[in-house]
Structure formats: structure tokens, C-alpha cells
Protein backbone atom coordinates (compact mmCIF):
# COMPACT_ATOMS: atom_id res chain seq x y z
CA MET A 1 -0.04 0.01 -0.15
CA ASN A 2 1.52 3.39 -1.07
CA VAL A 3 1.06 6.68 0.72
CA GLU A 4 -1.84 7.68 -1.30
CA GLN A 5 -3.81 4.37 -0.80
CA LEU A 6 -3.03 4.68 3.05
CA LEU A 7 -4.47 8.38 3.15
CA GLU A 8 -7.64 7.03 1.47
CA VAL A 9 -8.07 4.65 4.35
CA LYS A 10 -10.90 5.96 6.60
CA PRO A 11 -10.35 6.04 10.37
CA GLU A 12 -13.47 3.54 10.63
CA GLU A 13 -11.89 0.91 8.41
CA LEU A 14 -8.48 1.49 10.27
CA ALA A 15 -10.30 1.01 13.41
CA GLU A 16 -12.11 -1.89 12.40
CA GLY A 17 -8.90 -3.56 10.97
CA LEU A 18 -7.28 -2.91 14.38
CA LEU A 19 -10.25 -4.28 16.25
CA ALA A 20 -10.11 -7.50 14.03
CA ARG A 21 -6.51 -7.80 14.55
CA TRP A 22 -6.78 -7.59 18.42
CA LYS A 23 -9.59 -10.28 18.33
CA ALA A 24 -7.56 -12.50 16.40
CA LEU A 25 -4.72 -12.27 18.68
CA GLU A 26 -7.03 -12.74 21.66
CA GLU A 27 -8.20 -16.15 20.05
CA GLN A 28 -4.65 -17.23 18.74
CA LEU A 29 -2.37 -16.34 21.51
CA PRO A 30 -3.33 -18.89 23.97
CA ASN A 31 -2.47 -21.69 21.68
CA VAL A 32 0.80 -19.72 20.98
CA ILE A 33 1.70 -19.34 24.54
CA ARG A 34 1.11 -23.12 25.26
CA ASN A 35 3.20 -24.22 22.34
CA LEU A 36 6.10 -21.67 23.44
CA GLU A 37 5.87 -23.05 27.13
CA ALA A 38 6.16 -26.65 25.79
CA GLU A 39 9.22 -25.66 23.61
CA GLU A 40 10.67 -24.02 26.90
CA GLU A 41 9.73 -26.99 29.15
CA SER A 42 11.21 -29.52 26.46
CA LEU A 43 14.45 -27.28 25.99
CA SER A 44 15.21 -26.31 29.40
CA PRO A 45 16.73 -29.65 30.63
CA ARG A 46 18.75 -30.18 27.38
CA VAL A 47 20.38 -26.75 27.90
CA LYS A 48 21.07 -27.72 31.58
CA ARG A 49 22.82 -30.95 30.50
CA ALA A 50 24.79 -28.99 27.78
CA VAL A 51 25.82 -26.23 30.41
CA GLU A 52 26.91 -29.10 32.83
CA SER A 53 28.84 -31.06 30.13
CA HIS A 54 30.81 -28.10 29.18
CA ARG A 55 31.53 -27.10 32.78
CA LYS A 56 32.75 -30.60 33.22
CA ALA A 57 34.93 -30.47 30.22
CA ASN A 58 36.31 -27.19 31.43
CA GLU A 59 37.03 -28.64 34.82
CA THR A 60 39.02 -31.45 33.25
CA VAL A 61 41.06 -28.81 31.01
CA ALA A 62 41.94 -26.96 34.41
CA GLU A 63 42.76 -30.25 36.20
CA LYS A 64 45.20 -31.43 33.46
CA LYS A 65 46.66 -27.72 33.04
CA SER A 66 46.92 -27.65 36.91
CA GLU A 67 48.84 -31.14 36.79
CA ARG A 68 51.17 -29.78 33.83
CA ASP A 69 52.11 -26.73 35.58
CA SER A 70 52.67 -28.31 38.89
CA SER A 71 55.02 -30.93 37.38
CA GLN A 72 56.81 -28.27 35.56
CA ALA A 73 57.25 -26.27 38.48
CA VAL A 74 58.95 -29.25 40.41
CA ALA A 75 60.97 -29.93 37.25
CA ARG A 76 62.21 -26.43 37.02
CA ALA A 77 63.32 -26.37 40.56
CA LYS A 78 65.20 -29.51 40.13
CA LEU A 79 66.70 -28.03 37.04
CA SER A 80 68.41 -25.48 39.25
CA GLU A 81 69.65 -28.00 41.53
CA VAL A 82 71.19 -30.02 38.73
CA LYS A 83 72.89 -27.03 37.48
CA GLU A 84 74.33 -26.39 40.79
CA SER A 85 75.53 -30.16 41.23
CA ILE A 86 77.26 -30.09 37.98
CA GLU A 87 79.13 -26.77 38.75
CA SER A 88 80.12 -28.38 42.27
CA LEU A 89 81.13 -31.54 40.40
CA SER A 90 83.11 -29.74 37.96
CA ASN A 91 85.00 -27.60 40.35
CA LYS A 92 86.10 -30.95 41.97
CA GLY A 93 86.91 -32.59 38.79
CA GLY A 94 83.96 -34.96 39.27
CA MET A 95 82.72 -34.05 35.64
CA ILE A 96 85.87 -34.41 33.57
CA SER A 97 84.93 -37.51 32.07
CA LEU A 98 81.73 -36.18 30.55
CA ASP A 99 80.75 -37.32 27.18
CA PRO A 100 81.72 -34.85 24.38
CA GLU A 101 78.21 -34.94 23.18
CA TRP A 102 77.02 -33.82 26.41
CA LYS A 103 79.08 -30.84 26.41
CA LYS A 104 78.20 -29.96 22.57
CA VAL A 105 74.41 -30.15 23.22
CA LYS A 106 74.56 -28.21 26.67
CA LEU A 107 71.54 -30.01 28.04
CA LEU A 108 70.93 -27.73 30.89
CA GLU A 109 71.31 -24.41 28.99
CA GLU A 110 68.98 -25.87 26.15
CA LEU A 111 66.26 -27.05 29.16
CA GLU A 112 66.69 -23.69 30.84
CA ASN A 113 66.04 -21.82 27.56
CA ILE A 114 62.89 -24.18 26.54
CA GLU A 115 61.45 -23.45 30.14
CA GLU A 116 61.83 -19.80 29.90
CA ARG A 117 60.13 -19.60 26.68
CA ILE A 118 57.31 -21.86 27.84
CA GLU A 119 56.83 -19.79 31.09
CA THR A 120 57.30 -16.20 29.51
CA SER A 121 56.00 -16.52 26.04
CA ALA A 122 52.50 -16.21 24.79
CA LEU A 123 52.30 -19.66 23.11
CA ASP A 124 49.32 -21.39 21.87
CA HIS A 125 48.90 -25.15 22.61
CA LYS A 126 50.66 -26.31 19.26
CA GLU A 127 53.74 -23.98 19.87
CA GLU A 128 53.96 -25.24 23.48
CA GLY A 129 53.82 -28.78 22.44
CA LYS A 130 56.72 -28.51 19.83
CA LEU A 131 58.85 -27.14 22.71
CA ILE A 132 57.99 -30.11 25.10
CA ALA A 133 58.78 -32.49 22.31
CA LYS A 134 62.02 -30.75 21.82
CA ARG A 135 62.59 -31.04 25.54
CA ARG A 136 61.97 -34.73 25.46
CA LYS A 137 64.56 -35.23 22.80
CA LEU A 138 67.16 -33.46 24.68
CA ILE A 139 66.45 -35.40 28.09
CA GLU A 140 66.79 -38.73 26.07
CA LYS A 141 70.19 -38.07 24.54
CA ASN A 142 71.83 -38.31 27.87
CA GLU A 143 69.82 -41.06 29.61
CA LYS A 144 72.37 -43.75 28.82
CA TRP A 145 75.39 -41.56 30.10
CA LEU A 146 73.37 -41.21 33.38
CA LYS A 147 73.18 -45.01 33.87
CA GLU A 148 76.88 -45.59 33.30
CA ARG A 149 78.17 -42.92 35.52
CA ARG A 150 76.00 -43.21 38.84
CA ASP A 151 77.73 -46.34 39.98
CA SER A 152 81.25 -45.33 39.02
CA ASN A 153 80.96 -42.02 40.56
CA PRO A 154 79.18 -41.70 44.06
CA GLU A 155 79.61 -37.88 44.15
CA MET A 156 77.41 -37.66 41.31
CA THR A 157 74.47 -39.41 43.42
CA LYS A 158 72.80 -36.07 44.34
CA TYR A 159 73.21 -34.92 40.73
CA VAL A 160 71.81 -38.29 39.26
CA ASP A 161 68.74 -38.29 41.64
CA SER A 162 67.76 -34.54 41.26
CA ARG A 163 68.14 -35.12 37.44
CA LYS A 164 65.90 -38.28 37.73
CA ILE A 165 63.20 -36.15 39.46
CA MET A 166 63.51 -33.27 36.93
CA ILE A 167 63.07 -35.84 34.00
CA SER A 168 60.26 -37.62 35.45
CA ASN A 169 58.39 -34.54 36.11
CA PHE A 170 59.18 -33.10 32.73
CA ARG A 171 57.43 -36.41 31.40
CA ILE A 172 54.58 -36.03 33.69
CA SER A 173 53.99 -32.41 32.43
CA GLU A 174 54.38 -33.58 29.07
CA ALA A 175 51.79 -36.21 29.38
CA ALA A 176 49.21 -33.89 31.14
CA HIS A 177 49.81 -31.17 28.48
CA SER A 178 48.74 -34.00 25.82
CA ARG A 179 45.63 -34.95 27.94
CA MET A 180 44.73 -31.29 28.32
CA LEU A 181 44.82 -30.72 24.55
CA LYS A 182 42.57 -33.63 24.06
CA ALA A 183 40.24 -32.22 26.80
CA VAL A 184 40.44 -28.78 25.05
CA GLU A 185 39.43 -30.44 21.69
CA LYS A 186 36.63 -32.19 23.47
CA ALA A 187 35.48 -29.17 25.28
CA GLN A 188 35.09 -26.62 22.33
CA PRO A 189 32.05 -28.45 20.42
CA LEU A 190 30.36 -28.63 23.98
CA TYR A 191 30.95 -25.01 24.27
CA GLU A 192 29.38 -24.43 20.86
CA LYS A 193 26.38 -26.63 21.75
CA LYS A 194 25.69 -24.77 24.84
CA ILE A 195 25.96 -21.38 23.37
CA SER A 196 23.76 -22.38 20.50
CA MET A 197 21.15 -23.88 22.93
CA GLN A 198 21.25 -20.86 25.38
CA SER A 199 20.61 -18.63 22.37
CA GLU A 200 17.57 -20.77 21.22
CA ILE A 201 15.89 -20.86 24.73
CA ARG A 202 16.53 -17.14 25.17
CA ASP A 203 14.63 -16.43 21.87
CA ILE A 204 12.00 -18.74 22.99
CA ARG A 205 11.43 -17.02 26.28
CA ARG A 206 11.48 -13.51 24.54
CA GLN A 207 8.63 -14.76 22.18
CA LEU A 208 6.86 -16.17 25.31
CA ASP A 209 7.17 -12.91 27.02
CA ARG A 210 5.84 -11.05 24.13
CA ALA A 211 3.02 -13.15 23.64
CA ARG A 212 1.88 -13.08 27.22
CA GLU A 213 2.06 -9.26 27.17
CA LEU A 214 0.25 -8.88 24.19
CA TYR A 215 -2.66 -11.33 25.63
CA ALA A 216 -2.75 -9.32 28.65
CA GLN A 217 -3.25 -6.20 26.46
CA SER A 218 -5.90 -7.56 24.21
CA SER A 219 -9.02 -7.32 26.17
CA ASP A 220 -8.28 -3.60 26.87
CA ALA A 221 -7.51 -3.05 23.30
CA ILE A 222 -10.72 -4.69 22.00
CA SER A 223 -12.81 -2.65 24.40
CA LEU A 224 -10.90 0.62 23.22
CA TRP A 225 -11.44 -0.02 19.54
CA LYS A 226 -15.24 -1.00 20.16
CA GLY A 227 -15.78 1.99 21.94
CA LYS A 228 -14.20 4.30 19.05
CA LEU A 229 -16.31 2.69 16.45
CA SER A 230 -19.33 3.10 18.83
CA THR A 231 -18.87 6.66 20.20
CA GLY A 232 -16.50 8.31 17.84
CA PHE A 233 -12.69 9.09 18.03
CA GLY A 234 -12.81 11.92 20.53
CA ASP A 235 -11.36 11.39 24.16
CA SER A 236 -13.65 12.24 26.73
CA GLU A 237 -10.91 11.70 29.43
CA THR A 238 -8.52 14.44 28.03
CA GLY A 239 -11.26 16.55 26.45
CA PHE A 240 -10.06 16.10 22.94
CA ASP A 241 -13.04 16.50 20.35
CA ASP A 242 -13.78 14.16 17.71
CA LEU A 243 -12.04 15.96 14.61
CA LEU A 244 -13.68 13.20 12.26
CA ASN A 245 -16.88 15.10 13.02
CA ASP A 246 -15.79 18.33 11.92
CA MET A 247 -14.01 16.93 8.86
CA ASN A 248 -17.42 14.99 7.77
CA ARG A 249 -19.44 18.33 8.34
CA VAL A 250 -17.07 20.21 6.02
CA LEU A 251 -17.19 17.21 3.43
CA GLU A 252 -20.95 17.69 3.39
CA GLY A 253 -20.70 21.29 2.67
CA GLY A 254 -21.07 22.65 6.50
CA ALA A 255 -18.78 25.13 8.04
CA SER A 256 -15.43 24.22 9.85
CA SER A 257 -14.86 24.75 13.28
CA PHE A 258 -12.82 28.02 12.56
CA ALA A 259 -15.50 29.42 10.53
CA ARG A 260 -18.32 28.57 12.99
CA LYS A 261 -15.98 30.09 15.77
CA ARG A 262 -15.75 33.39 13.89
CA VAL A 263 -19.46 33.53 13.47
CA LYS A 264 -20.06 32.95 16.99
CA LYS A 265 -17.59 35.64 17.89
CA LYS A 266 -19.18 38.30 15.57
CA GLY A 267 -22.64 37.40 16.94
CA ASP A 268 -21.30 38.03 20.58
CA GLU A 269 -19.85 41.49 19.55
CA GLU A 270 -22.91 42.66 17.76
CA GLU A 271 -24.81 41.86 20.94
């Protein structure tokens, strides 16, 4: 409908259309409300389960992260002890027989460098996993040397024991990191499902609130428009005249309100 067609619509026709619309709403909304209530009732426990599943998945991620971080903290502390033991043994000549390959790779320096990057850099899970894998290879390079030296050099017992704890915790940390990544992968689709279902139930609840609001207004709206069609379009409560009466009088050839007031004023002056 264009502007001209809209202007041609008579107020009575508009009021009748609005009245018919409100009557239809009053008749249809109870079914709409019942259907929306049923949808909400059906969806609510599913949303609750989705939220709970995601919460548990997040707890698993946090648990594995805590396990990884705790093991890394122990390993880092032992890394410092191992470095101190090497310096002490070197000063006493106990490390003279170190394998050249050990000196070449500088295991401790490499490990410290990796740990510093893990601890201070903003790495994603993949990058952190690469560093952990590199750390594992460095540790494996000197395992054989440790086994051969412990029995032949009692002074190295503390060094070997500290290093054993360090390596054990690095491996625990690595395993926990791997489990954490799997938990993150599992949690992601659960998060997406939770968000989708929460959005769906919010939309249903918005529709339900709006339907209830309209239904509560329908009775008053029907009474209002019935009254307008019956008594006219003025407003007795506010004192506004029914302008449609004036319009219809002018269309039928009668005087406008302005002209009638002028005539009345002139008559008063003549008196």
C-alpha cells in the first residue's frame, strides 16, 4: 500500500482492522503461549545438560593444566639443583669424564631456554607442544650416560637423583599437556552446543514474554476500539474533540470549526 492509498483509508476502516487484529490475537495467543511453554519446558533440561557437560569438560582442562604446571614447577626447581650439582662436580673434577656430546648439546642451558620460553612467551597449545617435544629429545640424549656414571662416581648421586626427579616431572608434565589438549578439543564443540542452545531458549523466552504481554493487553485493546467505533474518535477523558465529526461536516458542505467560531464571535460582538 502506497502513501496515497494509505491516506484514502477511512479511520473507521483502520479501527475495524485494528479491532479484528486484536480479536484474532486474543483467540490465537493462548495456543501460541501453550506451544512456547511446551518448547521451553522441553528445551530447558537439554540446556542444563549442555551447560553441565561443558562445565565438566572445562574442569578436566583446568585439572590437566594444573597437573602440567605443577609438574613443570617441580622440574624447574630440580633443573636449578642439577645445574648447581654440575658446577660443584666440575670444580672438584668429577665432571671431567663427561661425554663430548653432553658438552656439545649443553643440555641444561637448552632446557632452561625451553622452560623460559614456555613460562614467559604467549604460546598457543601447538607451539608449546613443540617445545615440550624438543625438551623430551634433549633429555633422552643423555639417559644412557646417566646410567653408566652413577655407579662409577658416588659423588654424582645427588646430581643423578635430582636429574631423575627433574626428568620424571618433565615427562609427567608432557603427558598432562597432551591430555589437556585432548580435553580442550572435546570442550570446544560442547561450548558451541551450549551457546547455541542458550541462544535458542532465550529466543523462545522472549517470544513467550511478548505473547503473554500482548494477550494481557488484548482485552483492553478490544474494548478501546469497540468504543471508538461506537462513540467516535474523541477522548472524553482528555477533553479532545472528535475531529472526524468536523471533517465530515466540512465534506458535507458545512462550516469548519474555525468558521463557526468566527460567526459565534461576531454574533457576540454585535450583541
